[in-house]
PDB file of N, CA and C in Angstrom:
ATOM      1  N   MET A   1     -17.753 -31.689 -47.899  1.00  0.00           N
ATOM      2  CA  MET A   1     -17.685 -30.466 -47.849  1.00  0.00           C
ATOM      3  C   MET A   1     -18.361 -29.364 -46.838  1.00  0.00           C
ATOM      4  N   LEU A   2     -19.545 -29.795 -46.283  1.00  0.00           N
ATOM      5  CA  LEU A   2     -20.516 -29.311 -45.526  1.00  0.00           C
ATOM      6  C   LEU A   2     -19.988 -29.452 -44.355  1.00  0.00           C
ATOM      7  N   LYS A   3     -19.116 -30.364 -43.886  1.00  0.00           N
ATOM      8  CA  LYS A   3     -18.631 -30.517 -42.477  1.00  0.00           C
ATOM      9  C   LYS A   3     -17.498 -29.543 -42.467  1.00  0.00           C
ATOM     10  N   PHE A   4     -16.735 -29.561 -43.203  1.00  0.00           N
ATOM     11  CA  PHE A   4     -15.628 -28.526 -43.535  1.00  0.00           C
ATOM     12  C   PHE A   4     -16.102 -27.364 -43.112  1.00  0.00           C
ATOM     13  N   LEU A   5     -17.414 -26.719 -43.890  1.00  0.00           N
ATOM     14  CA  LEU A   5     -17.759 -25.216 -43.826  1.00  0.00           C
ATOM     15  C   LEU A   5     -18.307 -25.115 -42.385  1.00  0.00           C
ATOM     16  N   SER A   6     -18.844 -26.249 -41.934  1.00  0.00           N
ATOM     17  CA  SER A   6     -19.419 -25.793 -40.653  1.00  0.00           C
ATOM     18  C   SER A   6     -18.268 -25.853 -39.302  1.00  0.00           C
ATOM     19  N   SER A   7     -17.217 -26.591 -39.845  1.00  0.00           N
ATOM     20  CA  SER A   7     -15.981 -26.228 -38.565  1.00  0.00           C
ATOM     21  C   SER A   7     -15.339 -25.064 -38.836  1.00  0.00           C
ATOM     22  N   LEU A   8     -15.447 -24.661 -40.070  1.00  0.00           N
ATOM     23  CA  LEU A   8     -14.652 -23.285 -40.295  1.00  0.00           C
ATOM     24  C   LEU A   8     -15.637 -22.193 -39.734  1.00  0.00           C
ATOM     25  N   PHE A   9     -16.824 -22.364 -39.783  1.00  0.00           N
ATOM     26  CA  PHE A   9     -17.817 -21.236 -39.220  1.00  0.00           C
ATOM     27  C   PHE A   9     -17.759 -21.491 -37.600  1.00  0.00           C
ATOM     28  N   LEU A  10     -17.584 -22.356 -37.044  1.00  0.00           N
ATOM     29  CA  LEU A  10     -17.363 -22.702 -35.765  1.00  0.00           C
ATOM     30  C   LEU A  10     -16.154 -21.946 -35.184  1.00  0.00           C
ATOM     31  N   LEU A  11     -15.109 -22.433 -35.908  1.00  0.00           N
ATOM     32  CA  LEU A  11     -13.628 -21.784 -35.656  1.00  0.00           C
ATOM     33  C   LEU A  11     -13.729 -20.172 -35.605  1.00  0.00           C
ATOM     34  N   LEU A  12     -14.387 -19.770 -36.630  1.00  0.00           N
ATOM     35  CA  LEU A  12     -14.483 -18.336 -36.803  1.00  0.00           C
ATOM     36  C   LEU A  12     -15.426 -17.647 -35.810  1.00  0.00           C
ATOM     37  N   SER A  13     -16.421 -18.228 -35.234  1.00  0.00           N
ATOM     38  CA  SER A  13     -17.158 -17.782 -34.427  1.00  0.00           C
ATOM     39  C   SER A  13     -16.472 -17.573 -33.037  1.00  0.00           C
ATOM     40  N   LEU A  14     -15.677 -18.548 -32.725  1.00  0.00           N
ATOM     41  CA  LEU A  14     -15.031 -18.912 -31.380  1.00  0.00           C
ATOM     42  C   LEU A  14     -13.917 -17.880 -31.513  1.00  0.00           C
ATOM     43  N   VAL A  15     -13.106 -17.551 -32.537  1.00  0.00           N
ATOM     44  CA  VAL A  15     -12.408 -16.464 -32.531  1.00  0.00           C
ATOM     45  C   VAL A  15     -12.755 -15.195 -32.206  1.00  0.00           C
ATOM     46  N   ALA A  16     -14.095 -14.709 -32.961  1.00  0.00           N
ATOM     47  CA  ALA A  16     -14.477 -13.477 -32.637  1.00  0.00           C
ATOM     48  C   ALA A  16     -15.114 -13.267 -31.355  1.00  0.00           C
ATOM     49  N   CYS A  17     -15.754 -13.867 -30.834  1.00  0.00           N
ATOM     50  CA  CYS A  17     -15.970 -14.312 -29.393  1.00  0.00           C
ATOM     51  C   CYS A  17     -14.910 -13.967 -28.442  1.00  0.00           C
ATOM     52  N   GLN A  18     -13.515 -14.704 -28.632  1.00  0.00           N
ATOM     53  CA  GLN A  18     -12.354 -14.473 -27.752  1.00  0.00           C
ATOM     54  C   GLN A  18     -11.808 -13.152 -27.996  1.00  0.00           C
ATOM     55  N   SER A  19     -11.846 -12.461 -29.176  1.00  0.00           N
ATOM     56  CA  SER A  19     -11.375 -11.115 -29.537  1.00  0.00           C
ATOM     57  C   SER A  19     -12.383 -10.285 -28.817  1.00  0.00           C
ATOM     58  N   GLN A  20     -13.740 -10.452 -28.768  1.00  0.00           N
ATOM     59  CA  GLN A  20     -14.691  -9.599 -28.205  1.00  0.00           C
ATOM     60  C   GLN A  20     -14.379  -9.415 -26.699  1.00  0.00           C
ATOM     61  N   THR A  21     -14.187 -10.651 -26.202  1.00  0.00           N
ATOM     62  CA  THR A  21     -14.246 -10.843 -24.265  1.00  0.00           C
ATOM     63  C   THR A  21     -12.786  -9.916 -24.294  1.00  0.00           C
ATOM     64  N   SER A  22     -11.819 -10.314 -24.930  1.00  0.00           N
ATOM     65  CA  SER A  22     -10.486  -9.584 -24.655  1.00  0.00           C
ATOM     66  C   SER A  22     -10.186  -8.219 -24.669  1.00  0.00           C
ATOM     67  N   ASN A  23     -10.962  -7.574 -25.555  1.00  0.00           N
ATOM     68  CA  ASN A  23     -11.269  -6.114 -25.705  1.00  0.00           C
ATOM     69  C   ASN A  23     -11.988  -5.333 -24.772  1.00  0.00           C
ATOM     70  N   THR A  24     -13.069  -6.226 -24.236  1.00  0.00           N
ATOM     71  CA  THR A  24     -13.965  -5.486 -23.019  1.00  0.00           C
ATOM     72  C   THR A  24     -13.006  -5.482 -21.811  1.00  0.00           C
ATOM     73  N   SER A  25     -12.181  -6.612 -21.731  1.00  0.00           N
ATOM     74  CA  SER A  25     -11.738  -6.482 -20.326  1.00  0.00           C
ATOM     75  C   SER A  25     -10.411  -5.775 -20.294  1.00  0.00           C
ATOM     76  N   SER A  26      -9.621  -5.356 -21.248  1.00  0.00           N
ATOM     77  CA  SER A  26      -8.574  -4.223 -21.403  1.00  0.00           C
ATOM     78  C   SER A  26      -9.060  -3.033 -21.226  1.00  0.00           C
ATOM     79  N   THR A  27     -10.400  -2.787 -21.756  1.00  0.00           N
ATOM     80  CA  THR A  27     -10.825  -1.315 -21.448  1.00  0.00           C
ATOM     81  C   THR A  27     -11.257  -0.899 -20.223  1.00  0.00           C
ATOM     82  N   THR A  28     -11.861  -1.807 -19.262  1.00  0.00           N
ATOM     83  CA  THR A  28     -12.111  -1.820 -18.005  1.00  0.00           C
ATOM     84  C   THR A  28     -11.201  -1.833 -16.899  1.00  0.00           C
ATOM     85  N   PHE A  29      -9.860  -2.368 -17.398  1.00  0.00           N
ATOM     86  CA  PHE A  29      -8.696  -2.561 -16.480  1.00  0.00           C
ATOM     87  C   PHE A  29      -8.146  -1.080 -15.814  1.00  0.00           C
ATOM     88  N   LYS A  30      -8.061  -0.853 -14.546  1.00  0.00           N
ATOM     89  CA  LYS A  30      -7.676  -0.025 -13.831  1.00  0.00           C
ATOM     90  C   LYS A  30      -6.112   0.007 -13.394  1.00  0.00           C
ATOM     91  N   HIS A  31      -5.570   0.918 -13.434  1.00  0.00           N
ATOM     92  CA  HIS A  31      -4.078   0.926 -12.838  1.00  0.00           C
ATOM     93  C   HIS A  31      -4.324   1.111 -11.244  1.00  0.00           C
ATOM     94  N   ARG A  32      -3.380   0.442 -10.680  1.00  0.00           N
ATOM     95  CA  ARG A  32      -3.247   0.545  -8.975  1.00  0.00           C
ATOM     96  C   ARG A  32      -2.049   0.096  -8.737  1.00  0.00           C
ATOM     97  N   LEU A  33      -1.850   0.495  -7.349  1.00  0.00           N
ATOM     98  CA  LEU A  33      -0.465   0.022  -6.848  1.00  0.00           C
ATOM     99  C   LEU A  33      -0.517  -1.396  -6.048  1.00  0.00           C
ATOM    100  N   ASN A  34       0.570  -2.125  -6.088  1.00  0.00           N
ATOM    101  CA  ASN A  34       0.849  -3.595  -5.672  1.00  0.00           C
ATOM    102  C   ASN A  34       0.639  -3.775  -4.506  1.00  0.00           C
ATOM    103  N   ILE A  35      -0.502  -3.552  -3.652  1.00  0.00           N
ATOM    104  CA  ILE A  35      -0.408  -3.666  -2.216  1.00  0.00           C
ATOM    105  C   ILE A  35      -1.525  -4.403  -1.816  1.00  0.00           C
ATOM    106  N   PRO A  36      -2.019  -4.914  -0.711  1.00  0.00           N
ATOM    107  CA  PRO A  36      -3.035  -5.850  -0.108  1.00  0.00           C
ATOM    108  C   PRO A  36      -4.064  -4.863   0.087  1.00  0.00           C
ATOM    109  N   GLU A  37      -5.245  -5.511   0.187  1.00  0.00           N
ATOM    110  CA  GLU A  37      -6.285  -4.484   0.667  1.00  0.00           C
ATOM    111  C   GLU A  37      -6.072  -4.121   2.014  1.00  0.00           C
ATOM    112  N   LEU A  38      -5.595  -4.876   2.987  1.00  0.00           N
ATOM    113  CA  LEU A  38      -5.311  -4.311   4.285  1.00  0.00           C
ATOM    114  C   LEU A  38      -4.173  -3.319   4.441  1.00  0.00           C
ATOM    115  N   GLY A  39      -3.506  -3.017   3.225  1.00  0.00           N
ATOM    116  CA  GLY A  39      -2.510  -2.100   3.176  1.00  0.00           C
ATOM    117  C   GLY A  39      -1.242  -2.743   3.433  1.00  0.00           C
ATOM    118  N   ILE A  40      -0.097  -1.823   3.580  1.00  0.00           N
ATOM    119  CA  ILE A  40       1.344  -2.402   3.668  1.00  0.00           C
ATOM    120  C   ILE A  40       1.951  -1.178   4.776  1.00  0.00           C
ATOM    121  N   GLU A  41       2.605  -1.832   5.637  1.00  0.00           N
ATOM    122  CA  GLU A  41       3.189  -0.924   6.802  1.00  0.00           C
ATOM    123  C   GLU A  41       4.462  -1.370   6.669  1.00  0.00           C
ATOM    124  N   SER A  42       5.330  -0.043   6.880  1.00  0.00           N
ATOM    125  CA  SER A  42       6.710   0.038   6.405  1.00  0.00           C
ATOM    126  C   SER A  42       7.161   0.734   7.384  1.00  0.00           C
ATOM    127  N   ILE A  43       8.667   0.665   7.778  1.00  0.00           N
ATOM    128  CA  ILE A  43       9.468   1.567   8.680  1.00  0.00           C
ATOM    129  C   ILE A  43      10.315   2.032   7.842  1.00  0.00           C
ATOM    130  N   VAL A  44      10.779   3.180   7.539  1.00  0.00           N
ATOM    131  CA  VAL A  44      11.615   3.957   6.814  1.00  0.00           C
ATOM    132  C   VAL A  44      12.457   4.924   7.660  1.00  0.00           C
ATOM    133  N   GLU A  45      13.834   4.961   7.198  1.00  0.00           N
ATOM    134  CA  GLU A  45      14.626   6.039   7.924  1.00  0.00           C
ATOM    135  C   GLU A  45      14.883   7.229   7.200  1.00  0.00           C
ATOM    136  N   ALA A  46      15.059   8.317   8.085  1.00  0.00           N
ATOM    137  CA  ALA A  46      15.054   9.675   7.554  1.00  0.00           C
ATOM    138  C   ALA A  46      15.896   9.811   6.231  1.00  0.00           C
ATOM    139  N   ASN A  47      15.536  10.533   5.522  1.00  0.00           N
ATOM    140  CA  ASN A  47      16.346  11.052   4.042  1.00  0.00           C
ATOM    141  C   ASN A  47      16.423   9.686   3.282  1.00  0.00           C
ATOM    142  N   THR A  48      15.775   8.858   3.344  1.00  0.00           N
ATOM    143  CA  THR A  48      15.670   7.603   2.296  1.00  0.00           C
ATOM    144  C   THR A  48      14.380   7.519   1.799  1.00  0.00           C
ATOM    145  N   GLN A  49      14.067   6.490   0.864  1.00  0.00           N
ATOM    146  CA  GLN A  49      12.950   6.252  -0.135  1.00  0.00           C
ATOM    147  C   GLN A  49      12.384   5.122   0.163  1.00  0.00           C
ATOM    148  N   LYS A  50      11.119   4.982  -0.062  1.00  0.00           N
ATOM    149  CA  LYS A  50      10.455   3.456  -0.152  1.00  0.00           C
ATOM    150  C   LYS A  50       9.683   3.511  -1.556  1.00  0.00           C
ATOM    151  N   VAL A  51       9.935   2.374  -2.675  1.00  0.00           N
ATOM    152  CA  VAL A  51       9.316   2.345  -3.598  1.00  0.00           C
ATOM    153  C   VAL A  51       8.272   1.308  -3.402  1.00  0.00           C
ATOM    154  N   ILE A  52       7.082   1.803  -4.118  1.00  0.00           N
ATOM    155  CA  ILE A  52       5.706   0.901  -4.343  1.00  0.00           C
ATOM    156  C   ILE A  52       5.527   1.009  -5.628  1.00  0.00           C
ATOM    157  N   GLU A  53       5.535  -0.594  -6.045  1.00  0.00           N
ATOM    158  CA  GLU A  53       5.254  -0.951  -7.502  1.00  0.00           C
ATOM    159  C   GLU A  53       3.868  -0.446  -7.718  1.00  0.00           C
ATOM    160  N   GLY A  54       3.501  -0.323  -9.274  1.00  0.00           N
ATOM    161  CA  GLY A  54       2.305  -0.243  -9.481  1.00  0.00           C
ATOM    162  C   GLY A  54       1.932  -0.778 -10.878  1.00  0.00           C
ATOM    163  N   THR A  55       0.772  -0.925 -11.094  1.00  0.00           N
ATOM    164  CA  THR A  55       0.470  -1.583 -12.636  1.00  0.00           C
ATOM    165  C   THR A  55       0.921  -0.736 -13.783  1.00  0.00           C
ATOM    166  N   ASP A  56       1.251   0.405 -13.575  1.00  0.00           N
ATOM    167  CA  ASP A  56       1.558   1.228 -14.630  1.00  0.00           C
ATOM    168  C   ASP A  56       2.941   1.775 -14.307  1.00  0.00           C
ATOM    169  N   ALA A  57       3.125   2.309 -13.093  1.00  0.00           N
ATOM    170  CA  ALA A  57       4.513   2.874 -12.785  1.00  0.00           C
ATOM    171  C   ALA A  57       4.385   2.980 -11.273  1.00  0.00           C
ATOM    172  N   SER A  58       5.779   3.158 -10.662  1.00  0.00           N
ATOM    173  CA  SER A  58       5.977   3.075  -9.286  1.00  0.00           C
ATOM    174  C   SER A  58       5.850   4.327  -8.797  1.00  0.00           C
ATOM    175  N   ILE A  59       5.386   4.359  -7.565  1.00  0.00           N
ATOM    176  CA  ILE A  59       5.342   5.765  -6.576  1.00  0.00           C
ATOM    177  C   ILE A  59       6.481   5.657  -5.910  1.00  0.00           C
ATOM    178  N   VAL A  60       7.029   6.540  -5.283  1.00  0.00           N
ATOM    179  CA  VAL A  60       8.287   6.825  -4.234  1.00  0.00           C
ATOM    180  C   VAL A  60       7.808   7.458  -3.230  1.00  0.00           C
ATOM    181  N   VAL A  61       7.948   7.101  -2.157  1.00  0.00           N
ATOM    182  CA  VAL A  61       7.622   7.734  -0.643  1.00  0.00           C
ATOM    183  C   VAL A  61       9.026   8.116  -0.018  1.00  0.00           C
ATOM    184  N   GLN A  62       9.212   9.435  -0.396  1.00  0.00           N
ATOM    185  CA  GLN A  62      10.442   9.945   0.062  1.00  0.00           C
ATOM    186  C   GLN A  62      10.188  10.482   1.571  1.00  0.00           C
ATOM    187  N   ILE A  63      11.292  10.064   2.379  1.00  0.00           N
ATOM    188  CA  ILE A  63      10.861  10.834   3.956  1.00  0.00           C
ATOM    189  C   ILE A  63      12.138  11.777   3.798  1.00  0.00           C
ATOM    190  N   GLY A  64      12.067  12.869   4.471  1.00  0.00           N
ATOM    191  CA  GLY A  64      12.885  13.929   4.704  1.00  0.00           C
ATOM    192  C   GLY A  64      13.391  13.688   5.834  1.00  0.00           C
ATOM    193  N   GLU A  65      13.418  15.046   6.609  1.00  0.00           N
ATOM    194  CA  GLU A  65      13.626  15.043   7.916  1.00  0.00           C
ATOM    195  C   GLU A  65      13.005  14.687   8.752  1.00  0.00           C
ATOM    196  N   VAL A  66      13.773  14.093  10.021  1.00  0.00           N
ATOM    197  CA  VAL A  66      12.521  13.612  11.089  1.00  0.00           C
ATOM    198  C   VAL A  66      13.187  14.302  12.234  1.00  0.00           C
ATOM    199  N   ASN A  67      12.193  14.907  13.012  1.00  0.00           N
ATOM    200  CA  ASN A  67      12.458  15.053  14.269  1.00  0.00           C
ATOM    201  C   ASN A  67      11.620  14.368  15.277  1.00  0.00           C
ATOM    202  N   ARG A  68      11.499  14.730  16.663  1.00  0.00           N
ATOM    203  CA  ARG A  68      10.561  14.068  17.621  1.00  0.00           C
ATOM    204  C   ARG A  68       9.224  13.995  17.308  1.00  0.00           C
ATOM    205  N   LYS A  69       8.576  15.275  16.640  1.00  0.00           N
ATOM    206  CA  LYS A  69       7.349  15.186  16.618  1.00  0.00           C
ATOM    207  C   LYS A  69       6.778  15.246  15.243  1.00  0.00           C
ATOM    208  N   GLU A  70       7.704  15.467  14.288  1.00  0.00           N
ATOM    209  CA  GLU A  70       7.126  15.632  12.725  1.00  0.00           C
ATOM    210  C   GLU A  70       8.042  15.114  11.773  1.00  0.00           C
ATOM    211  N   VAL A  71       7.600  14.962  10.649  1.00  0.00           N
ATOM    212  CA  VAL A  71       8.489  14.324   9.552  1.00  0.00           C
ATOM    213  C   VAL A  71       7.685  14.859   8.163  1.00  0.00           C
ATOM    214  N   SER A  72       8.798  15.247   7.357  1.00  0.00           N
ATOM    215  CA  SER A  72       8.566  15.660   6.151  1.00  0.00           C
ATOM    216  C   SER A  72       8.475  14.548   5.272  1.00  0.00           C
ATOM    217  N   ILE A  73       7.300  14.365   4.342  1.00  0.00           N
ATOM    218  CA  ILE A  73       7.045  13.416   3.176  1.00  0.00           C
ATOM    219  C   ILE A  73       6.779  13.910   2.206  1.00  0.00           C
ATOM    220  N   SER A  74       7.316  13.260   1.048  1.00  0.00           N
ATOM    221  CA  SER A  74       6.772  13.890  -0.342  1.00  0.00           C
ATOM    222  C   SER A  74       6.558  12.549  -1.212  1.00  0.00           C
ATOM    223  N   ILE A  75       5.300  12.423  -2.010  1.00  0.00           N
ATOM    224  CA  ILE A  75       5.229  11.335  -2.711  1.00  0.00           C
ATOM    225  C   ILE A  75       5.351  11.325  -4.243  1.00  0.00           C
ATOM    226  N   ARG A  76       5.961  10.747  -4.933  1.00  0.00           N
ATOM    227  CA  ARG A  76       6.236  11.180  -6.121  1.00  0.00           C
ATOM    228  C   ARG A  76       5.847   9.998  -7.235  1.00  0.00           C
ATOM    229  N   LEU A  77       5.246  10.327  -8.520  1.00  0.00           N
ATOM    230  CA  LEU A  77       5.151   9.528  -9.431  1.00  0.00           C
ATOM    231  C   LEU A  77       5.961   9.799 -10.717  1.00  0.00           C
ATOM    232  N   ASP A  78       6.727   9.078 -11.063  1.00  0.00           N
ATOM    233  CA  ASP A  78       7.904   9.458 -11.888  1.00  0.00           C
ATOM    234  C   ASP A  78       8.865  10.732 -11.559  1.00  0.00           C
ATOM    235  N   ASP A  79       8.954  11.694 -12.268  1.00  0.00           N
ATOM    236  CA  ASP A  79       9.393  12.917 -11.736  1.00  0.00           C
ATOM    237  C   ASP A  79       8.295  14.063 -11.293  1.00  0.00           C
ATOM    238  N   ARG A  80       7.181  13.622 -11.340  1.00  0.00           N
ATOM    239  CA  ARG A  80       6.158  14.590 -10.669  1.00  0.00           C
ATOM    240  C   ARG A  80       5.911  14.345  -9.119  1.00  0.00           C
ATOM    241  N   ILE A  81       6.075  15.564  -8.516  1.00  0.00           N
ATOM    242  CA  ILE A  81       5.293  15.463  -7.217  1.00  0.00           C
ATOM    243  C   ILE A  81       3.839  15.535  -6.828  1.00  0.00           C
ATOM    244  N   LEU A  82       3.253  14.111  -6.561  1.00  0.00           N
ATOM    245  CA  LEU A  82       1.807  14.081  -6.308  1.00  0.00           C
ATOM    246  C   LEU A  82       1.268  14.987  -5.140  1.00  0.00           C
ATOM    247  N   THR A  83       2.253  14.735  -4.100  1.00  0.00           N
ATOM    248  CA  THR A  83       1.553  15.355  -2.902  1.00  0.00           C
ATOM    249  C   THR A  83       3.170  15.559  -1.813  1.00  0.00           C
ATOM    250  N   GLU A  84       3.039  16.658  -0.991  1.00  0.00           N
ATOM    251  CA  GLU A  84       4.320  16.519  -0.241  1.00  0.00           C
ATOM    252  C   GLU A  84       3.572  17.676   1.123  1.00  0.00           C
ATOM    253  N   LYS A  85       4.104  16.935   2.323  1.00  0.00           N
ATOM    254  CA  LYS A  85       3.624  17.679   3.612  1.00  0.00           C
ATOM    255  C   LYS A  85       4.616  17.204   4.720  1.00  0.00           C
ATOM    256  N   ILE A  86       4.566  18.258   5.948  1.00  0.00           N
ATOM    257  CA  ILE A  86       5.053  17.949   7.163  1.00  0.00           C
ATOM    258  C   ILE A  86       3.915  17.134   7.925  1.00  0.00           C
ATOM    259  N   LEU A  87       3.999  16.129   8.449  1.00  0.00           N
ATOM    260  CA  LEU A  87       3.094  15.389   9.036  1.00  0.00           C
ATOM    261  C   LEU A  87       3.566  14.887  10.714  1.00  0.00           C
ATOM    262  N   HIS A  88       2.715  14.705  11.671  1.00  0.00           N
ATOM    263  CA  HIS A  88       2.659  14.184  12.897  1.00  0.00           C
ATOM    264  C   HIS A  88       2.253  12.923  13.041  1.00  0.00           C
ATOM    265  N   VAL A  89       2.475  12.265  14.291  1.00  0.00           N
ATOM    266  CA  VAL A  89       1.801  10.836  14.506  1.00  0.00           C
ATOM    267  C   VAL A  89       0.373  11.138  14.404  1.00  0.00           C
ATOM    268  N   SER A  90      -0.404  10.142  13.859  1.00  0.00           N
ATOM    269  CA  SER A  90      -1.837   9.812  13.576  1.00  0.00           C
ATOM    270  C   SER A  90      -2.274  10.852  12.430  1.00  0.00           C
ATOM    271  N   ASP A  91      -1.355  11.750  11.550  1.00  0.00           N
ATOM    272  CA  ASP A  91      -1.992  12.218  10.682  1.00  0.00           C
ATOM    273  C   ASP A  91      -1.968  11.423   9.070  1.00  0.00           C
ATOM    274  N   LYS A  92      -2.655  11.789   8.290  1.00  0.00           N
ATOM    275  CA  LYS A  92      -3.117  11.349   7.219  1.00  0.00           C
ATOM    276  C   LYS A  92      -2.483  12.098   5.689  1.00  0.00           C
ATOM    277  N   LEU A  93      -1.996  11.516   4.939  1.00  0.00           N
ATOM    278  CA  LEU A  93      -1.880  12.026   3.564  1.00  0.00           C
ATOM    279  C   LEU A  93      -2.296  11.201   2.773  1.00  0.00           C
ATOM    280  N   SER A  94      -3.409  12.080   1.840  1.00  0.00           N
ATOM    281  CA  SER A  94      -4.069  11.381   0.797  1.00  0.00           C
ATOM    282  C   SER A  94      -3.472  11.724  -0.599  1.00  0.00           C
ATOM    283  N   PHE A  95      -3.598  10.752  -1.577  1.00  0.00           N
ATOM    284  CA  PHE A  95      -3.108  11.225  -2.960  1.00  0.00           C
ATOM    285  C   PHE A  95      -3.810  10.025  -3.907  1.00  0.00           C
ATOM    286  N   ASP A  96      -3.829  10.482  -5.089  1.00  0.00           N
ATOM    287  CA  ASP A  96      -4.334   9.497  -6.341  1.00  0.00           C
ATOM    288  C   ASP A  96      -3.457   8.776  -7.175  1.00  0.00           C
ATOM    289  N   TYR A  97      -3.598   7.757  -7.440  1.00  0.00           N
ATOM    290  CA  TYR A  97      -2.924   7.038  -8.430  1.00  0.00           C
ATOM    291  C   TYR A  97      -3.456   6.574  -9.524  1.00  0.00           C
ATOM    292  N   HIS A  98      -3.607   7.407 -10.611  1.00  0.00           N
ATOM    293  CA  HIS A  98      -4.430   6.964 -11.895  1.00  0.00           C
ATOM    294  C   HIS A  98      -5.901   6.971 -11.270  1.00  0.00           C
ATOM    295  N   ASP A  99      -6.505   7.917 -10.666  1.00  0.00           N
ATOM    296  CA  ASP A  99      -7.717   8.085 -10.298  1.00  0.00           C
ATOM    297  C   ASP A  99      -8.170   7.156  -8.908  1.00  0.00           C
ATOM    298  N   HIS A 100      -7.295   6.441  -8.555  1.00  0.00           N
ATOM    299  CA  HIS A 100      -7.508   5.695  -7.308  1.00  0.00           C
ATOM    300  C   HIS A 100      -6.802   6.389  -5.934  1.00  0.00           C
ATOM    301  N   PRO A 101      -7.750   6.396  -5.385  1.00  0.00           N
ATOM    302  CA  PRO A 101      -7.325   7.070  -3.757  1.00  0.00           C
ATOM    303  C   PRO A 101      -6.462   6.120  -2.939  1.00  0.00           C
ATOM    304  N   TYR A 102      -5.515   6.731  -2.458  1.00  0.00           N
ATOM    305  CA  TYR A 102      -4.737   6.312  -1.189  1.00  0.00           C
ATOM    306  C   TYR A 102      -4.435   6.902  -0.330  1.00  0.00           C
ATOM    307  N   THR A 103      -4.244   6.487   0.923  1.00  0.00           N
ATOM    308  CA  THR A 103      -3.992   7.254   2.201  1.00  0.00           C
ATOM    309  C   THR A 103      -2.829   6.673   2.880  1.00  0.00           C
ATOM    310  N   LEU A 104      -1.735   7.691   2.940  1.00  0.00           N
ATOM    311  CA  LEU A 104      -0.630   7.170   4.067  1.00  0.00           C
ATOM    312  C   LEU A 104      -0.847   7.818   5.425  1.00  0.00           C
ATOM    313  N   HIS A 105      -0.971   6.857   6.300  1.00  0.00           N
ATOM    314  CA  HIS A 105      -1.274   7.203   7.708  1.00  0.00           C
ATOM    315  C   HIS A 105       0.186   6.723   8.483  1.00  0.00           C
ATOM    316  N   ILE A 106       0.641   7.993   9.452  1.00  0.00           N
ATOM    317  CA  ILE A 106       1.692   7.815  10.159  1.00  0.00           C
ATOM    318  C   ILE A 106       1.346   7.242  11.356  1.00  0.00           C
ATOM    319  N   THR A 107       2.067   6.185  11.704  1.00  0.00           N
ATOM    320  CA  THR A 107       1.968   5.356  12.877  1.00  0.00           C
ATOM    321  C   THR A 107       2.650   5.783  14.043  1.00  0.00           C
ATOM    322  N   LYS A 108       3.913   5.994  13.886  1.00  0.00           N
ATOM    323  CA  LYS A 108       4.990   6.214  14.831  1.00  0.00           C
ATOM    324  C   LYS A 108       6.227   6.829  14.176  1.00  0.00           C
ATOM    325  N   ILE A 109       6.561   7.719  14.747  1.00  0.00           N
ATOM    326  CA  ILE A 109       8.045   8.673  14.757  1.00  0.00           C
ATOM    327  C   ILE A 109       8.711   8.619  15.895  1.00  0.00           C
ATOM    328  N   LYS A 110      10.079   7.866  15.476  1.00  0.00           N
ATOM    329  CA  LYS A 110      11.111   7.630  16.538  1.00  0.00           C
ATOM    330  C   LYS A 110      12.486   8.221  16.250  1.00  0.00           C
ATOM    331  N   LYS A 111      12.855   9.083  16.808  1.00  0.00           N
ATOM    332  CA  LYS A 111      14.296   9.898  16.701  1.00  0.00           C
ATOM    333  C   LYS A 111      14.900  10.018  18.122  1.00  0.00           C
ATOM    334  N   PRO A 112      15.884   9.195  18.082  1.00  0.00           N
ATOM    335  CA  PRO A 112      16.948   9.049  19.331  1.00  0.00           C
ATOM    336  C   PRO A 112      17.898  10.601  19.331  1.00  0.00           C
ATOM    337  N   LEU A 113      18.243  10.326  20.665  1.00  0.00           N
ATOM    338  CA  LEU A 113      18.997  11.630  20.612  1.00  0.00           C
ATOM    339  C   LEU A 113      20.207  11.681  19.943  1.00  0.00           C
ATOM    340  N   ILE A 114      20.838  10.476  19.513  1.00  0.00           N
ATOM    341  CA  ILE A 114      21.899  10.117  18.586  1.00  0.00           C
ATOM    342  C   ILE A 114      21.509   9.165  17.717  1.00  0.00           C
ATOM    343  N   GLY A 115      21.600   9.512  16.504  1.00  0.00           N
ATOM    344  CA  GLY A 115      21.297   8.742  15.246  1.00  0.00           C
ATOM    345  C   GLY A 115      20.254   9.123  14.338  1.00  0.00           C
ATOM    346  N   ILE A 116      19.878   8.270  13.625  1.00  0.00           N
ATOM    347  CA  ILE A 116      18.735   8.561  12.494  1.00  0.00           C
ATOM    348  C   ILE A 116      17.279   8.253  12.813  1.00  0.00           C
ATOM    349  N   GLY A 117      16.468   8.860  12.612  1.00  0.00           N
ATOM    350  CA  GLY A 117      15.084   8.935  13.147  1.00  0.00           C
ATOM    351  C   GLY A 117      14.494   8.211  11.953  1.00  0.00           C
ATOM    352  N   LYS A 118      13.451   7.418  12.561  1.00  0.00           N
ATOM    353  CA  LYS A 118      12.528   6.386  11.593  1.00  0.00           C
ATOM    354  C   LYS A 118      11.206   6.721  11.725  1.00  0.00           C
ATOM    355  N   VAL A 119      10.495   6.584  10.738  1.00  0.00           N
ATOM    356  CA  VAL A 119       9.119   6.783  10.654  1.00  0.00           C
ATOM    357  C   VAL A 119       8.165   5.312  10.166  1.00  0.00           C
ATOM    358  N   SER A 120       7.342   5.331  10.935  1.00  0.00           N
ATOM    359  CA  SER A 120       6.411   3.935  10.708  1.00  0.00           C
ATOM    360  C   SER A 120       5.225   4.426   9.857  1.00  0.00           C
ATOM    361  N   PHE A 121       4.794   3.973   8.784  1.00  0.00           N
ATOM    362  CA  PHE A 121       3.384   4.067   8.023  1.00  0.00           C
ATOM    363  C   PHE A 121       2.712   3.208   7.563  1.00  0.00           C
ATOM    364  N   ILE A 122       1.517   3.112   7.406  1.00  0.00           N
ATOM    365  CA  ILE A 122       0.585   2.360   6.726  1.00  0.00           C
ATOM    366  C   ILE A 122       0.141   3.057   5.617  1.00  0.00           C
ATOM    367  N   LEU A 123       0.165   2.348   4.209  1.00  0.00           N
ATOM    368  CA  LEU A 123      -0.404   2.635   3.204  1.00  0.00           C
ATOM    369  C   LEU A 123      -1.745   1.789   2.662  1.00  0.00           C
ATOM    370  N   LYS A 124      -2.588   2.645   2.564  1.00  0.00           N
ATOM    371  CA  LYS A 124      -3.907   1.657   2.157  1.00  0.00           C
ATOM    372  C   LYS A 124      -4.377   2.444   0.881  1.00  0.00           C
TER     373      LYS A 124
END
């Protein structure tokens, strides 16, 4: 009987410790975008969008009109616009995803005389 009670006590203490550690880890978890620490580089055509997955929701980088010197970019989370701006090469656009800051850096704007323009950017 004593062996049974000590086994039961040990089992209950293990369960209590397990639930205590799982509660602390879930409260400290922060939502973030699923990109590497070095960032993600992408080339996107004019009037299209790039979806970046996150732990809570995805963001959408919407590329608008592209001309030889500038591009219009809008960043959306669900139906809400986080930021939008007209950018030039080497410009940066900062935004927050669940209190975590990210920066979109324009590296190249390519607009041929005939055809669709493209934008290259790095998201960190």
